[in-house]
Amino acid sequence: MTHATLSLVLLAAGKGTRMKSNKAKVLHELFYAPMLHHVLHAVSPLQAEKTVVVVGHQKEAVEESLAGFSVDTVVQKEQLGTGHAVLCSKPVLAEMKGTIMILCGDTPLIRSETLQAMLTAHTQCEAVLTVMTTILDNPSHYGRIICDNEGMVLSIVEEKDANPREKKIQEINAGIYCVDAEFLFSHLLAIGTDNSQGEIYLTDIVSLAVEDGHPVHKFINPVPQDVLGVNSRVELAEAQRELQLRRNRVLMLNGVGMISPETTLVSPQTTIDQDVTLHPGVQLSGESTISTGCVIETGALLHNVTLAADCRIGAYSCLNGCSLQPKSIIPPHTSSCS
């Protein structure tokens, strides 16, 4: 068995009813991009040979949002479960060998290094199937991981199908899998719909592997927050805050001063030199460039702005598309660079 070839399947067909929105869930934006884009950026360093996005609800809008990515899309016409969604990718991946990594498009906090570590572990074990898990204090609403005494996965029980004993298990399914391509597609059709939802659960692939005598490995993610899906506006705001603080932490470690990082927003495309000071409520968006020694005061909004060294931007200014010379001083409440 070889895992030299990697393919990706991203599940992005769901409606996301708990978002209380007419917009497809994966298109809801946080930290300057739709949540699906964050997942695609996370998998990019894996350099998969093929990436398939399964679309369904508002498929035209989702496909339009993918114009800048090298992906294939397939349509899940009916919402018949996660197993059915993966099965929809078979026409594109039928000839692929090696490993298929399956992820959900509503997990914008997943990190590239976590996915790489899981893939490495899967390959080193020469596993047919590896499941990402994590431990939650409150595991409600998530599928529970059932293991043997050696810690190998025996099955995944969905919340609605779990008995009282199983509901006490705190190790949950993170919804990310590495699976041998041939095994996956030869077994998906064997998954039935004998469950409370009447759907084809992808999680049933675990019990099928066990029945075939294949050990099912698990990769435990020690940071539960990174793998939890966004299912509501509350969770969307929480994920936004996490991505914002991740970005700000990197900037501060590289020498950028922030008086209030929890209220400061800096887009991923913005470049900031060391010894820049950002006051509370500053937002830097687009492809802005901020040179060393600049001070940007409270509440200033800068979009596609280039500041040479030692500029000072007054509080609550709003600048768009400006380029300033060294030591320029912009008074508070300025709405242009002139």
C-alpha atoms as a PDB file:
ATOM      1  CA  MET A   1       0.000   0.000   0.000  1.00  0.00           C
ATOM      2  CA  THR A   2       1.332   3.443  -0.899  1.00  0.00           C
ATOM      3  CA  HIS A   3       0.371   6.869   0.392  1.00  0.00           C
ATOM      4  CA  ALA A   4       2.683   8.816  -1.885  1.00  0.00           C
ATOM      5  CA  THR A   5      -0.280  10.411  -3.689  1.00  0.00           C
ATOM      6  CA  LEU A   6      -2.612  12.680  -1.753  1.00  0.00           C
ATOM      7  CA  SER A   7      -6.077  13.829  -2.765  1.00  0.00           C
ATOM      8  CA  LEU A   8      -8.416  16.058  -0.780  1.00  0.00           C
ATOM      9  CA  VAL A   9     -12.182  16.084  -0.408  1.00  0.00           C
ATOM     10  CA  LEU A  10     -13.769  19.140   1.225  1.00  0.00           C
ATOM     11  CA  LEU A  11     -17.407  18.838   2.223  1.00  0.00           C
ATOM     12  CA  ALA A  12     -19.181  22.130   1.533  1.00  0.00           C
ATOM     13  CA  ALA A  13     -22.714  21.189   0.515  1.00  0.00           C
ATOM     14  CA  GLY A  14     -24.638  21.829   3.733  1.00  0.00           C
ATOM     15  CA  LYS A  15     -27.257  24.507   4.385  1.00  0.00           C
ATOM     16  CA  GLY A  16     -26.129  25.474   7.883  1.00  0.00           C
ATOM     17  CA  THR A  17     -29.614  26.084   9.261  1.00  0.00           C
ATOM     18  CA  ARG A  18     -28.297  27.202  12.658  1.00  0.00           C
ATOM     19  CA  MET A  19     -26.653  30.215  10.993  1.00  0.00           C
ATOM     20  CA  LYS A  20     -30.170  31.640  10.449  1.00  0.00           C
ATOM     21  CA  SER A  21     -29.163  32.883   7.019  1.00  0.00           C
ATOM     22  CA  ASN A  22     -30.008  32.521   3.345  1.00  0.00           C
ATOM     23  CA  LYS A  23     -26.288  32.366   2.583  1.00  0.00           C
ATOM     24  CA  ALA A  24     -24.494  29.016   2.285  1.00  0.00           C
ATOM     25  CA  LYS A  25     -22.721  28.323   5.561  1.00  0.00           C
ATOM     26  CA  VAL A  26     -19.234  27.965   4.085  1.00  0.00           C
ATOM     27  CA  LEU A  27     -19.520  31.429   2.496  1.00  0.00           C
ATOM     28  CA  HIS A  28     -19.961  33.260   5.779  1.00  0.00           C
ATOM     29  CA  GLU A  29     -16.924  35.485   6.214  1.00  0.00           C
ATOM     30  CA  LEU A  30     -14.515  35.783   9.086  1.00  0.00           C
ATOM     31  CA  PHE A  31     -11.132  37.443   9.177  1.00  0.00           C
ATOM     32  CA  TYR A  32     -11.318  38.805   5.624  1.00  0.00           C
ATOM     33  CA  ALA A  33     -12.402  35.603   3.826  1.00  0.00           C
ATOM     34  CA  PRO A  34     -15.210  33.027   3.616  1.00  0.00           C
ATOM     35  CA  MET A  35     -14.656  30.167   6.054  1.00  0.00           C
ATOM     36  CA  LEU A  36     -14.194  27.721   3.162  1.00  0.00           C
ATOM     37  CA  HIS A  37     -11.222  29.764   1.948  1.00  0.00           C
ATOM     38  CA  HIS A  38      -9.532  29.405   5.331  1.00  0.00           C
ATOM     39  CA  VAL A  39      -9.755  25.616   5.020  1.00  0.00           C
ATOM     40  CA  LEU A  40      -8.362  25.751   1.476  1.00  0.00           C
ATOM     41  CA  HIS A  41      -5.455  27.904   2.646  1.00  0.00           C
ATOM     42  CA  ALA A  42      -4.775  25.396   5.441  1.00  0.00           C
ATOM     43  CA  VAL A  43      -4.562  22.435   3.043  1.00  0.00           C
ATOM     44  CA  SER A  44      -2.520  24.278   0.416  1.00  0.00           C
ATOM     45  CA  PRO A  45       0.911  23.383   1.912  1.00  0.00           C
ATOM     46  CA  LEU A  46       0.005  19.675   1.647  1.00  0.00           C
ATOM     47  CA  GLN A  47       0.358  19.973  -2.154  1.00  0.00           C
ATOM     48  CA  ALA A  48      -2.355  17.474  -2.970  1.00  0.00           C
ATOM     49  CA  GLU A  49      -2.544  16.143  -6.493  1.00  0.00           C
ATOM     50  CA  LYS A  50      -6.286  16.787  -6.619  1.00  0.00           C
ATOM     51  CA  THR A  51      -8.671  18.786  -4.447  1.00  0.00           C
ATOM     52  CA  VAL A  52     -12.390  18.166  -4.755  1.00  0.00           C
ATOM     53  CA  VAL A  53     -14.994  20.438  -3.163  1.00  0.00           C
ATOM     54  CA  VAL A  54     -18.435  18.890  -2.741  1.00  0.00           C
ATOM     55  CA  VAL A  55     -21.069  21.605  -3.219  1.00  0.00           C
ATOM     56  CA  GLY A  56     -24.840  21.545  -2.917  1.00  0.00           C
ATOM     57  CA  HIS A  57     -26.777  24.336  -1.250  1.00  0.00           C
ATOM     58  CA  GLN A  58     -26.289  27.521  -3.296  1.00  0.00           C
ATOM     59  CA  LYS A  59     -23.769  25.663  -5.421  1.00  0.00           C
ATOM     60  CA  GLU A  60     -23.426  28.481  -7.963  1.00  0.00           C
ATOM     61  CA  ALA A  61     -22.376  30.980  -5.298  1.00  0.00           C
ATOM     62  CA  VAL A  62     -19.957  28.512  -3.710  1.00  0.00           C
ATOM     63  CA  GLU A  63     -18.435  27.617  -7.071  1.00  0.00           C
ATOM     64  CA  GLU A  64     -18.052  31.306  -7.915  1.00  0.00           C
ATOM     65  CA  SER A  65     -16.146  31.856  -4.666  1.00  0.00           C
ATOM     66  CA  LEU A  66     -13.689  29.123  -5.680  1.00  0.00           C
ATOM     67  CA  ALA A  67     -12.574  30.872  -8.871  1.00  0.00           C
ATOM     68  CA  GLY A  68      -9.128  31.643  -7.458  1.00  0.00           C
ATOM     69  CA  PHE A  69      -8.413  28.089  -6.312  1.00  0.00           C
ATOM     70  CA  SER A  70      -7.218  25.041  -8.252  1.00  0.00           C
ATOM     71  CA  VAL A  71     -10.066  22.686  -7.333  1.00  0.00           C
ATOM     72  CA  ASP A  72     -12.642  20.440  -8.927  1.00  0.00           C
ATOM     73  CA  THR A  73     -16.244  20.715  -7.777  1.00  0.00           C
ATOM     74  CA  VAL A  74     -18.883  17.996  -7.663  1.00  0.00           C
ATOM     75  CA  VAL A  75     -22.540  18.433  -6.770  1.00  0.00           C
ATOM     76  CA  GLN A  76     -24.411  16.632  -4.005  1.00  0.00           C
ATOM     77  CA  LYS A  77     -27.950  17.111  -5.293  1.00  0.00           C
ATOM     78  CA  GLU A  78     -29.617  15.640  -2.216  1.00  0.00           C
ATOM     79  CA  GLN A  79     -28.477  15.984   1.387  1.00  0.00           C
ATOM     80  CA  LEU A  80     -28.143  12.259   2.123  1.00  0.00           C
ATOM     81  CA  GLY A  81     -25.286  12.392   4.608  1.00  0.00           C
ATOM     82  CA  THR A  82     -21.513  12.767   4.745  1.00  0.00           C
ATOM     83  CA  GLY A  83     -20.863   9.332   3.255  1.00  0.00           C
ATOM     84  CA  HIS A  84     -23.045  10.188   0.279  1.00  0.00           C
ATOM     85  CA  ALA A  85     -21.223  13.525  -0.093  1.00  0.00           C
ATOM     86  CA  VAL A  86     -17.849  11.772  -0.340  1.00  0.00           C
ATOM     87  CA  LEU A  87     -19.308   9.254  -2.766  1.00  0.00           C
ATOM     88  CA  CYS A  88     -20.177  12.172  -5.043  1.00  0.00           C
ATOM     89  CA  SER A  89     -16.426  12.793  -5.484  1.00  0.00           C
ATOM     90  CA  LYS A  90     -15.819   9.320  -6.922  1.00  0.00           C
ATOM     91  CA  PRO A  91     -16.133  10.323 -10.615  1.00  0.00           C
ATOM     92  CA  VAL A  92     -13.214  12.727 -10.144  1.00  0.00           C
ATOM     93  CA  LEU A  93     -11.091  10.522  -7.880  1.00  0.00           C
ATOM     94  CA  ALA A  94     -11.931   7.027  -9.155  1.00  0.00           C
ATOM     95  CA  GLU A  95      -8.498   6.545 -10.718  1.00  0.00           C
ATOM     96  CA  MET A  96      -6.550   8.018  -7.811  1.00  0.00           C
ATOM     97  CA  LYS A  97      -4.333   5.844  -5.629  1.00  0.00           C
ATOM     98  CA  GLY A  98      -2.802   6.582  -2.253  1.00  0.00           C
ATOM     99  CA  THR A  99      -4.466   8.651   0.456  1.00  0.00           C
ATOM    100  CA  ILE A 100      -7.615  10.744   0.440  1.00  0.00           C
ATOM    101  CA  MET A 101      -7.922  13.311   3.224  1.00  0.00           C
ATOM    102  CA  ILE A 102     -11.495  14.306   3.976  1.00  0.00           C
ATOM    103  CA  LEU A 103     -12.327  17.581   5.734  1.00  0.00           C
ATOM    104  CA  CYS A 104     -15.336  19.804   6.352  1.00  0.00           C
ATOM    105  CA  GLY A 105     -15.524  23.281   4.844  1.00  0.00           C
ATOM    106  CA  ASP A 106     -16.794  24.808   8.101  1.00  0.00           C
ATOM    107  CA  THR A 107     -13.601  24.338  10.165  1.00  0.00           C
ATOM    108  CA  PRO A 108     -11.727  27.608   9.503  1.00  0.00           C
ATOM    109  CA  LEU A 109      -9.413  27.213  12.521  1.00  0.00           C
ATOM    110  CA  ILE A 110      -7.689  24.036  11.329  1.00  0.00           C
ATOM    111  CA  ARG A 111      -3.919  24.506  11.024  1.00  0.00           C
ATOM    112  CA  SER A 112      -1.686  23.348   8.185  1.00  0.00           C
ATOM    113  CA  GLU A 113       0.859  21.899  10.592  1.00  0.00           C
ATOM    114  CA  THR A 114      -1.835  19.791  12.270  1.00  0.00           C
ATOM    115  CA  LEU A 115      -2.947  18.318   8.959  1.00  0.00           C
ATOM    116  CA  GLN A 116       0.647  17.618   7.963  1.00  0.00           C
ATOM    117  CA  ALA A 117       1.325  15.882  11.276  1.00  0.00           C
ATOM    118  CA  MET A 118      -1.773  13.710  10.844  1.00  0.00           C
ATOM    119  CA  LEU A 119      -0.819  12.781   7.287  1.00  0.00           C
ATOM    120  CA  THR A 120       2.721  11.896   8.405  1.00  0.00           C
ATOM    121  CA  ALA A 121       1.405   9.685  11.214  1.00  0.00           C
ATOM    122  CA  HIS A 122      -1.027   7.995   8.829  1.00  0.00           C
ATOM    123  CA  THR A 123       1.741   7.294   6.313  1.00  0.00           C
ATOM    124  CA  GLN A 124       4.254   6.032   8.872  1.00  0.00           C
ATOM    125  CA  CYS A 125       1.692   3.547  10.262  1.00  0.00           C
ATOM    126  CA  GLU A 126       0.831   2.407   6.730  1.00  0.00           C
ATOM    127  CA  ALA A 127      -2.767   2.730   7.885  1.00  0.00           C
ATOM    128  CA  VAL A 128      -5.863   2.141   5.821  1.00  0.00           C
ATOM    129  CA  LEU A 129      -7.766   4.664   7.927  1.00  0.00           C
ATOM    130  CA  THR A 130      -6.798   7.352  10.446  1.00  0.00           C
ATOM    131  CA  VAL A 131      -9.388   9.463  12.252  1.00  0.00           C
ATOM    132  CA  MET A 132      -8.677  12.819  13.895  1.00  0.00           C
ATOM    133  CA  THR A 133     -10.121  13.058  17.398  1.00  0.00           C
ATOM    134  CA  THR A 134     -10.029  15.509  20.276  1.00  0.00           C
ATOM    135  CA  ILE A 135     -11.150  15.644  23.907  1.00  0.00           C
ATOM    136  CA  LEU A 136     -13.994  17.931  25.009  1.00  0.00           C
ATOM    137  CA  ASP A 137     -15.214  18.754  28.497  1.00  0.00           C
ATOM    138  CA  ASN A 138     -18.709  18.898  27.013  1.00  0.00           C
ATOM    139  CA  PRO A 139     -18.921  16.498  24.044  1.00  0.00           C
ATOM    140  CA  SER A 140     -22.610  17.117  23.330  1.00  0.00           C
ATOM    141  CA  HIS A 141     -23.603  17.212  19.633  1.00  0.00           C
ATOM    142  CA  TYR A 142     -20.464  15.362  18.489  1.00  0.00           C
ATOM    143  CA  GLY A 143     -19.877  11.750  17.463  1.00  0.00           C
ATOM    144  CA  ARG A 144     -18.145   9.685  20.167  1.00  0.00           C
ATOM    145  CA  ILE A 145     -15.029   7.596  19.583  1.00  0.00           C
ATOM    146  CA  ILE A 146     -15.339   3.956  20.692  1.00  0.00           C
ATOM    147  CA  CYS A 147     -11.923   2.328  21.245  1.00  0.00           C
ATOM    148  CA  ASP A 148     -10.535  -1.033  22.306  1.00  0.00           C
ATOM    149  CA  ASN A 149      -8.128  -1.544  25.212  1.00  0.00           C
ATOM    150  CA  GLU A 150      -5.153  -0.726  22.945  1.00  0.00           C
ATOM    151  CA  GLY A 151      -6.656   2.592  21.934  1.00  0.00           C
ATOM    152  CA  MET A 152      -7.515   1.516  18.395  1.00  0.00           C
ATOM    153  CA  VAL A 153     -10.775   2.898  17.061  1.00  0.00           C
ATOM    154  CA  LEU A 154     -13.639   0.400  16.829  1.00  0.00           C
ATOM    155  CA  SER A 155     -16.452   2.718  15.756  1.00  0.00           C
ATOM    156  CA  ILE A 156     -17.860   6.244  15.849  1.00  0.00           C
ATOM    157  CA  VAL A 157     -21.316   6.685  17.322  1.00  0.00           C
ATOM    158  CA  GLU A 158     -23.270   9.791  16.390  1.00  0.00           C
ATOM    159  CA  GLU A 159     -24.852  11.774  19.224  1.00  0.00           C
ATOM    160  CA  LYS A 160     -28.402  10.936  18.161  1.00  0.00           C
ATOM    161  CA  ASP A 161     -27.620   7.211  18.061  1.00  0.00           C
ATOM    162  CA  ALA A 162     -25.526   7.059  21.257  1.00  0.00           C
ATOM    163  CA  ASN A 163     -26.741   5.298  24.394  1.00  0.00           C
ATOM    164  CA  PRO A 164     -26.304   6.902  27.868  1.00  0.00           C
ATOM    165  CA  ARG A 165     -22.941   5.198  28.462  1.00  0.00           C
ATOM    166  CA  GLU A 166     -21.565   6.265  25.093  1.00  0.00           C
ATOM    167  CA  LYS A 167     -22.703   9.845  25.642  1.00  0.00           C
ATOM    168  CA  LYS A 168     -20.344  10.064  28.622  1.00  0.00           C
ATOM    169  CA  ILE A 169     -17.318   9.523  26.363  1.00  0.00           C
ATOM    170  CA  GLN A 170     -15.379  12.783  25.989  1.00  0.00           C
ATOM    171  CA  GLU A 171     -13.277  11.830  22.966  1.00  0.00           C
ATOM    172  CA  ILE A 172     -15.079  13.042  19.870  1.00  0.00           C
ATOM    173  CA  ASN A 173     -14.788  12.754  16.109  1.00  0.00           C
ATOM    174  CA  ALA A 174     -13.159  15.872  14.639  1.00  0.00           C
ATOM    175  CA  GLY A 175     -14.480  15.050  11.163  1.00  0.00           C
ATOM    176  CA  ILE A 176     -11.079  14.772   9.463  1.00  0.00           C
ATOM    177  CA  TYR A 177      -9.972  11.470   7.962  1.00  0.00           C
ATOM    178  CA  CYS A 178      -7.035  10.006   6.075  1.00  0.00           C
ATOM    179  CA  VAL A 179      -8.156   6.915   4.188  1.00  0.00           C
ATOM    180  CA  ASP A 180      -6.784   4.667   1.485  1.00  0.00           C
ATOM    181  CA  ALA A 181      -8.510   5.623  -1.767  1.00  0.00           C
ATOM    182  CA  GLU A 182      -9.210   2.086  -2.971  1.00  0.00           C
ATOM    183  CA  PHE A 183     -10.633   1.046   0.387  1.00  0.00           C
ATOM    184  CA  LEU A 184     -12.783   4.165   0.622  1.00  0.00           C
ATOM    185  CA  PHE A 185     -14.593   3.845  -2.674  1.00  0.00           C
ATOM    186  CA  SER A 186     -14.906   0.070  -2.540  1.00  0.00           C
ATOM    187  CA  HIS A 187     -16.647   0.301   0.848  1.00  0.00           C
ATOM    188  CA  LEU A 188     -18.736   3.486   0.675  1.00  0.00           C
ATOM    189  CA  LEU A 189     -21.540   1.734  -1.185  1.00  0.00           C
ATOM    190  CA  ALA A 190     -21.732  -0.836   1.616  1.00  0.00           C
ATOM    191  CA  ILE A 191     -22.722   1.794   4.161  1.00  0.00           C
ATOM    192  CA  GLY A 192     -26.409   1.626   4.951  1.00  0.00           C
ATOM    193  CA  THR A 193     -28.890   4.167   6.296  1.00  0.00           C
ATOM    194  CA  ASP A 194     -29.935   2.316   9.445  1.00  0.00           C
ATOM    195  CA  ASN A 195     -29.704   5.304  11.788  1.00  0.00           C
ATOM    196  CA  SER A 196     -31.912   8.018  13.272  1.00  0.00           C
ATOM    197  CA  GLN A 197     -31.288  10.353  10.328  1.00  0.00           C
ATOM    198  CA  GLY A 198     -31.726   7.811   7.549  1.00  0.00           C
ATOM    199  CA  GLU A 199     -28.458   9.031   6.032  1.00  0.00           C
ATOM    200  CA  ILE A 200     -25.217   7.499   4.803  1.00  0.00           C
ATOM    201  CA  TYR A 201     -22.782   8.266   7.629  1.00  0.00           C
ATOM    202  CA  LEU A 202     -19.148   8.523   6.596  1.00  0.00           C
ATOM    203  CA  THR A 203     -18.301   7.498  10.159  1.00  0.00           C
ATOM    204  CA  ASP A 204     -19.535   3.965   9.391  1.00  0.00           C
ATOM    205  CA  ILE A 205     -16.407   3.463   7.291  1.00  0.00           C
ATOM    206  CA  VAL A 206     -14.642   2.836  10.615  1.00  0.00           C
ATOM    207  CA  SER A 207     -16.660  -0.250  11.519  1.00  0.00           C
ATOM    208  CA  LEU A 208     -16.264  -1.566   7.971  1.00  0.00           C
ATOM    209  CA  ALA A 209     -12.483  -1.282   8.256  1.00  0.00           C
ATOM    210  CA  VAL A 210     -12.569  -3.110  11.587  1.00  0.00           C
ATOM    211  CA  GLU A 211     -14.716  -5.881  10.089  1.00  0.00           C
ATOM    212  CA  ASP A 212     -12.094  -6.283   7.345  1.00  0.00           C
ATOM    213  CA  GLY A 213      -9.360  -6.655   9.969  1.00  0.00           C
ATOM    214  CA  HIS A 214      -7.735  -3.278   9.357  1.00  0.00           C
ATOM    215  CA  PRO A 215      -6.534  -1.419  12.490  1.00  0.00           C
ATOM    216  CA  VAL A 216      -8.099   2.058  12.594  1.00  0.00           C
ATOM    217  CA  HIS A 217      -5.667   4.603  13.975  1.00  0.00           C
ATOM    218  CA  LYS A 218      -6.503   7.895  15.614  1.00  0.00           C
ATOM    219  CA  PHE A 219      -4.681  11.193  15.617  1.00  0.00           C
ATOM    220  CA  ILE A 220      -5.540  13.155  18.751  1.00  0.00           C
ATOM    221  CA  ASN A 221      -5.560  16.913  18.262  1.00  0.00           C
ATOM    222  CA  PRO A 222      -4.572  18.461  21.619  1.00  0.00           C
ATOM    223  CA  VAL A 223      -6.251  21.796  20.779  1.00  0.00           C
ATOM    224  CA  PRO A 224     -10.011  21.141  20.520  1.00  0.00           C
ATOM    225  CA  GLN A 225     -10.811  24.662  19.384  1.00  0.00           C
ATOM    226  CA  ASP A 226      -8.894  24.155  16.142  1.00  0.00           C
ATOM    227  CA  VAL A 227     -11.172  21.420  14.831  1.00  0.00           C
ATOM    228  CA  LEU A 228     -14.621  22.487  15.982  1.00  0.00           C
ATOM    229  CA  GLY A 229     -17.032  23.402  13.211  1.00  0.00           C
ATOM    230  CA  VAL A 230     -18.726  26.782  12.902  1.00  0.00           C
ATOM    231  CA  ASN A 231     -22.470  26.225  13.089  1.00  0.00           C
ATOM    232  CA  SER A 232     -23.865  29.511  14.410  1.00  0.00           C
ATOM    233  CA  ARG A 233     -23.222  33.243  14.423  1.00  0.00           C
ATOM    234  CA  VAL A 234     -21.836  32.903  17.942  1.00  0.00           C
ATOM    235  CA  GLU A 235     -19.278  30.322  16.813  1.00  0.00           C
ATOM    236  CA  LEU A 236     -18.458  32.458  13.770  1.00  0.00           C
ATOM    237  CA  ALA A 237     -17.559  35.370  16.052  1.00  0.00           C
ATOM    238  CA  GLU A 238     -15.476  33.096  18.265  1.00  0.00           C
ATOM    239  CA  ALA A 239     -13.549  31.802  15.256  1.00  0.00           C
ATOM    240  CA  GLN A 240     -13.032  35.368  14.002  1.00  0.00           C
ATOM    241  CA  ARG A 241     -11.530  36.330  17.341  1.00  0.00           C
ATOM    242  CA  GLU A 242      -9.165  33.332  17.308  1.00  0.00           C
ATOM    243  CA  LEU A 243      -7.853  34.043  13.798  1.00  0.00           C
ATOM    244  CA  GLN A 244      -7.444  37.726  14.661  1.00  0.00           C
ATOM    245  CA  LEU A 245      -5.411  36.918  17.783  1.00  0.00           C
ATOM    246  CA  ARG A 246      -3.280  34.345  15.946  1.00  0.00           C
ATOM    247  CA  ARG A 247      -2.345  36.985  13.379  1.00  0.00           C
ATOM    248  CA  ASN A 248      -1.670  39.630  16.018  1.00  0.00           C
ATOM    249  CA  ARG A 249       0.461  37.300  18.103  1.00  0.00           C
ATOM    250  CA  VAL A 250       2.755  36.644  15.121  1.00  0.00           C
ATOM    251  CA  LEU A 251       3.010  40.371  14.397  1.00  0.00           C
ATOM    252  CA  MET A 252       3.837  41.227  18.022  1.00  0.00           C
ATOM    253  CA  LEU A 253       6.494  38.509  18.170  1.00  0.00           C
ATOM    254  CA  ASN A 254       8.016  40.138  15.071  1.00  0.00           C
ATOM    255  CA  GLY A 255       8.255  43.540  16.749  1.00  0.00           C
ATOM    256  CA  VAL A 256       4.912  45.255  16.100  1.00  0.00           C
ATOM    257  CA  GLY A 257       3.467  47.091  19.114  1.00  0.00           C
ATOM    258  CA  MET A 258      -0.246  46.662  19.857  1.00  0.00           C
ATOM    259  CA  ILE A 259      -1.874  48.382  22.806  1.00  0.00           C
ATOM    260  CA  SER A 260      -5.066  46.341  22.472  1.00  0.00           C
ATOM    261  CA  PRO A 261      -4.571  43.279  20.224  1.00  0.00           C
ATOM    262  CA  GLU A 262      -8.091  42.020  20.912  1.00  0.00           C
ATOM    263  CA  THR A 263      -9.507  45.130  19.157  1.00  0.00           C
ATOM    264  CA  THR A 264      -6.909  45.362  16.366  1.00  0.00           C
ATOM    265  CA  LEU A 265      -7.496  43.870  12.912  1.00  0.00           C
ATOM    266  CA  VAL A 266      -4.680  43.382  10.409  1.00  0.00           C
ATOM    267  CA  SER A 267      -5.399  41.591   7.138  1.00  0.00           C
ATOM    268  CA  PRO A 268      -3.157  38.673   6.090  1.00  0.00           C
ATOM    269  CA  GLN A 269      -2.043  40.673   3.022  1.00  0.00           C
ATOM    270  CA  THR A 270      -0.844  43.657   5.063  1.00  0.00           C
ATOM    271  CA  THR A 271       2.904  44.022   5.669  1.00  0.00           C
ATOM    272  CA  ILE A 272       4.120  45.741   8.840  1.00  0.00           C
ATOM    273  CA  ASP A 273       7.723  46.476   9.840  1.00  0.00           C
ATOM    274  CA  GLN A 274       8.974  46.297  13.410  1.00  0.00           C
ATOM    275  CA  ASP A 275       8.620  49.281  15.755  1.00  0.00           C
ATOM    276  CA  VAL A 276       5.193  50.187  14.393  1.00  0.00           C
ATOM    277  CA  THR A 277       2.651  51.063  17.103  1.00  0.00           C
ATOM    278  CA  LEU A 278      -1.039  50.294  16.648  1.00  0.00           C
ATOM    279  CA  HIS A 279      -3.516  51.865  19.070  1.00  0.00           C
ATOM    280  CA  PRO A 280      -6.866  50.252  20.032  1.00  0.00           C
ATOM    281  CA  GLY A 281      -9.490  49.752  17.324  1.00  0.00           C
ATOM    282  CA  VAL A 282      -7.112  50.086  14.348  1.00  0.00           C
ATOM    283  CA  GLN A 283      -8.056  48.180  11.178  1.00  0.00           C
ATOM    284  CA  LEU A 284      -5.564  47.607   8.360  1.00  0.00           C
ATOM    285  CA  SER A 285      -7.085  45.896   5.337  1.00  0.00           C
ATOM    286  CA  GLY A 286      -6.231  45.091   1.749  1.00  0.00           C
ATOM    287  CA  GLU A 287      -2.559  45.074   0.767  1.00  0.00           C
ATOM    288  CA  SER A 288      -1.375  47.834   3.050  1.00  0.00           C
ATOM    289  CA  THR A 289       2.311  48.391   3.805  1.00  0.00           C
ATOM    290  CA  ILE A 290       3.348  50.039   7.067  1.00  0.00           C
ATOM    291  CA  SER A 291       7.008  50.988   7.480  1.00  0.00           C
ATOM    292  CA  THR A 292       9.074  51.154  10.642  1.00  0.00           C
ATOM    293  CA  GLY A 293       8.377  53.839  13.233  1.00  0.00           C
ATOM    294  CA  CYS A 294       4.801  54.541  12.160  1.00  0.00           C
ATOM    295  CA  VAL A 295       2.141  55.244  14.785  1.00  0.00           C
ATOM    296  CA  ILE A 296      -1.500  54.636  13.965  1.00  0.00           C
ATOM    297  CA  GLU A 297      -3.845  56.092  16.546  1.00  0.00           C
ATOM    298  CA  THR A 298      -7.130  54.819  17.941  1.00  0.00           C
ATOM    299  CA  GLY A 299      -9.863  53.758  15.534  1.00  0.00           C
ATOM    300  CA  ALA A 300      -8.013  54.560  12.295  1.00  0.00           C
ATOM    301  CA  LEU A 301      -9.137  52.568   9.238  1.00  0.00           C
ATOM    302  CA  LEU A 302      -6.565  52.067   6.468  1.00  0.00           C
ATOM    303  CA  HIS A 303      -7.232  50.149   3.236  1.00  0.00           C
ATOM    304  CA  ASN A 304      -4.546  49.574   0.578  1.00  0.00           C
ATOM    305  CA  VAL A 305      -2.404  52.263   2.170  1.00  0.00           C
ATOM    306  CA  THR A 306       1.386  52.571   1.960  1.00  0.00           C
ATOM    307  CA  LEU A 307       3.116  54.432   4.784  1.00  0.00           C
ATOM    308  CA  ALA A 308       6.801  55.290   4.577  1.00  0.00           C
ATOM    309  CA  ALA A 309       8.842  55.395   7.790  1.00  0.00           C
ATOM    310  CA  ASP A 310       7.788  57.391  10.870  1.00  0.00           C
ATOM    311  CA  CYS A 311       4.336  58.469   9.708  1.00  0.00           C
ATOM    312  CA  ARG A 312       1.647  59.285  12.258  1.00  0.00           C
ATOM    313  CA  ILE A 313      -2.025  58.687  11.489  1.00  0.00           C
ATOM    314  CA  GLY A 314      -4.481  60.568  13.704  1.00  0.00           C
ATOM    315  CA  ALA A 315      -7.321  58.881  15.542  1.00  0.00           C
ATOM    316  CA  TYR A 316     -10.434  57.845  13.594  1.00  0.00           C
ATOM    317  CA  SER A 317      -8.937  58.675  10.230  1.00  0.00           C
ATOM    318  CA  CYS A 318     -10.184  56.721   7.210  1.00  0.00           C
ATOM    319  CA  LEU A 319      -7.638  56.368   4.394  1.00  0.00           C
ATOM    320  CA  ASN A 320      -8.058  54.402   1.171  1.00  0.00           C
ATOM    321  CA  GLY A 321      -5.467  53.866  -1.565  1.00  0.00           C
ATOM    322  CA  CYS A 322      -2.978  56.410  -0.189  1.00  0.00           C
ATOM    323  CA  SER A 323       0.831  56.522  -0.290  1.00  0.00           C
ATOM    324  CA  LEU A 324       2.508  58.791   2.278  1.00  0.00           C
ATOM    325  CA  GLN A 325       6.055  60.128   2.416  1.00  0.00           C
ATOM    326  CA  PRO A 326       8.333  59.624   5.459  1.00  0.00           C
ATOM    327  CA  LYS A 327       7.307  61.476   8.641  1.00  0.00           C
ATOM    328  CA  SER A 328       3.917  62.480   7.254  1.00  0.00           C
ATOM    329  CA  ILE A 329       1.376  63.513   9.899  1.00  0.00           C
ATOM    330  CA  ILE A 330      -2.319  62.979   9.274  1.00  0.00           C
ATOM    331  CA  PRO A 331      -4.676  64.849  11.641  1.00  0.00           C
ATOM    332  CA  PRO A 332      -7.448  62.973  13.474  1.00  0.00           C
ATOM    333  CA  HIS A 333     -10.709  62.300  11.598  1.00  0.00           C
ATOM    334  CA  THR A 334      -9.046  62.697   8.184  1.00  0.00           C
ATOM    335  CA  SER A 335     -10.968  61.013   5.382  1.00  0.00           C
ATOM    336  CA  SER A 336      -8.397  61.327   2.577  1.00  0.00           C
ATOM    337  CA  CYS A 337      -4.631  61.691   2.117  1.00  0.00           C
ATOM    338  CA  SER A 338      -4.711  65.132   0.561  1.00  0.00           C
END
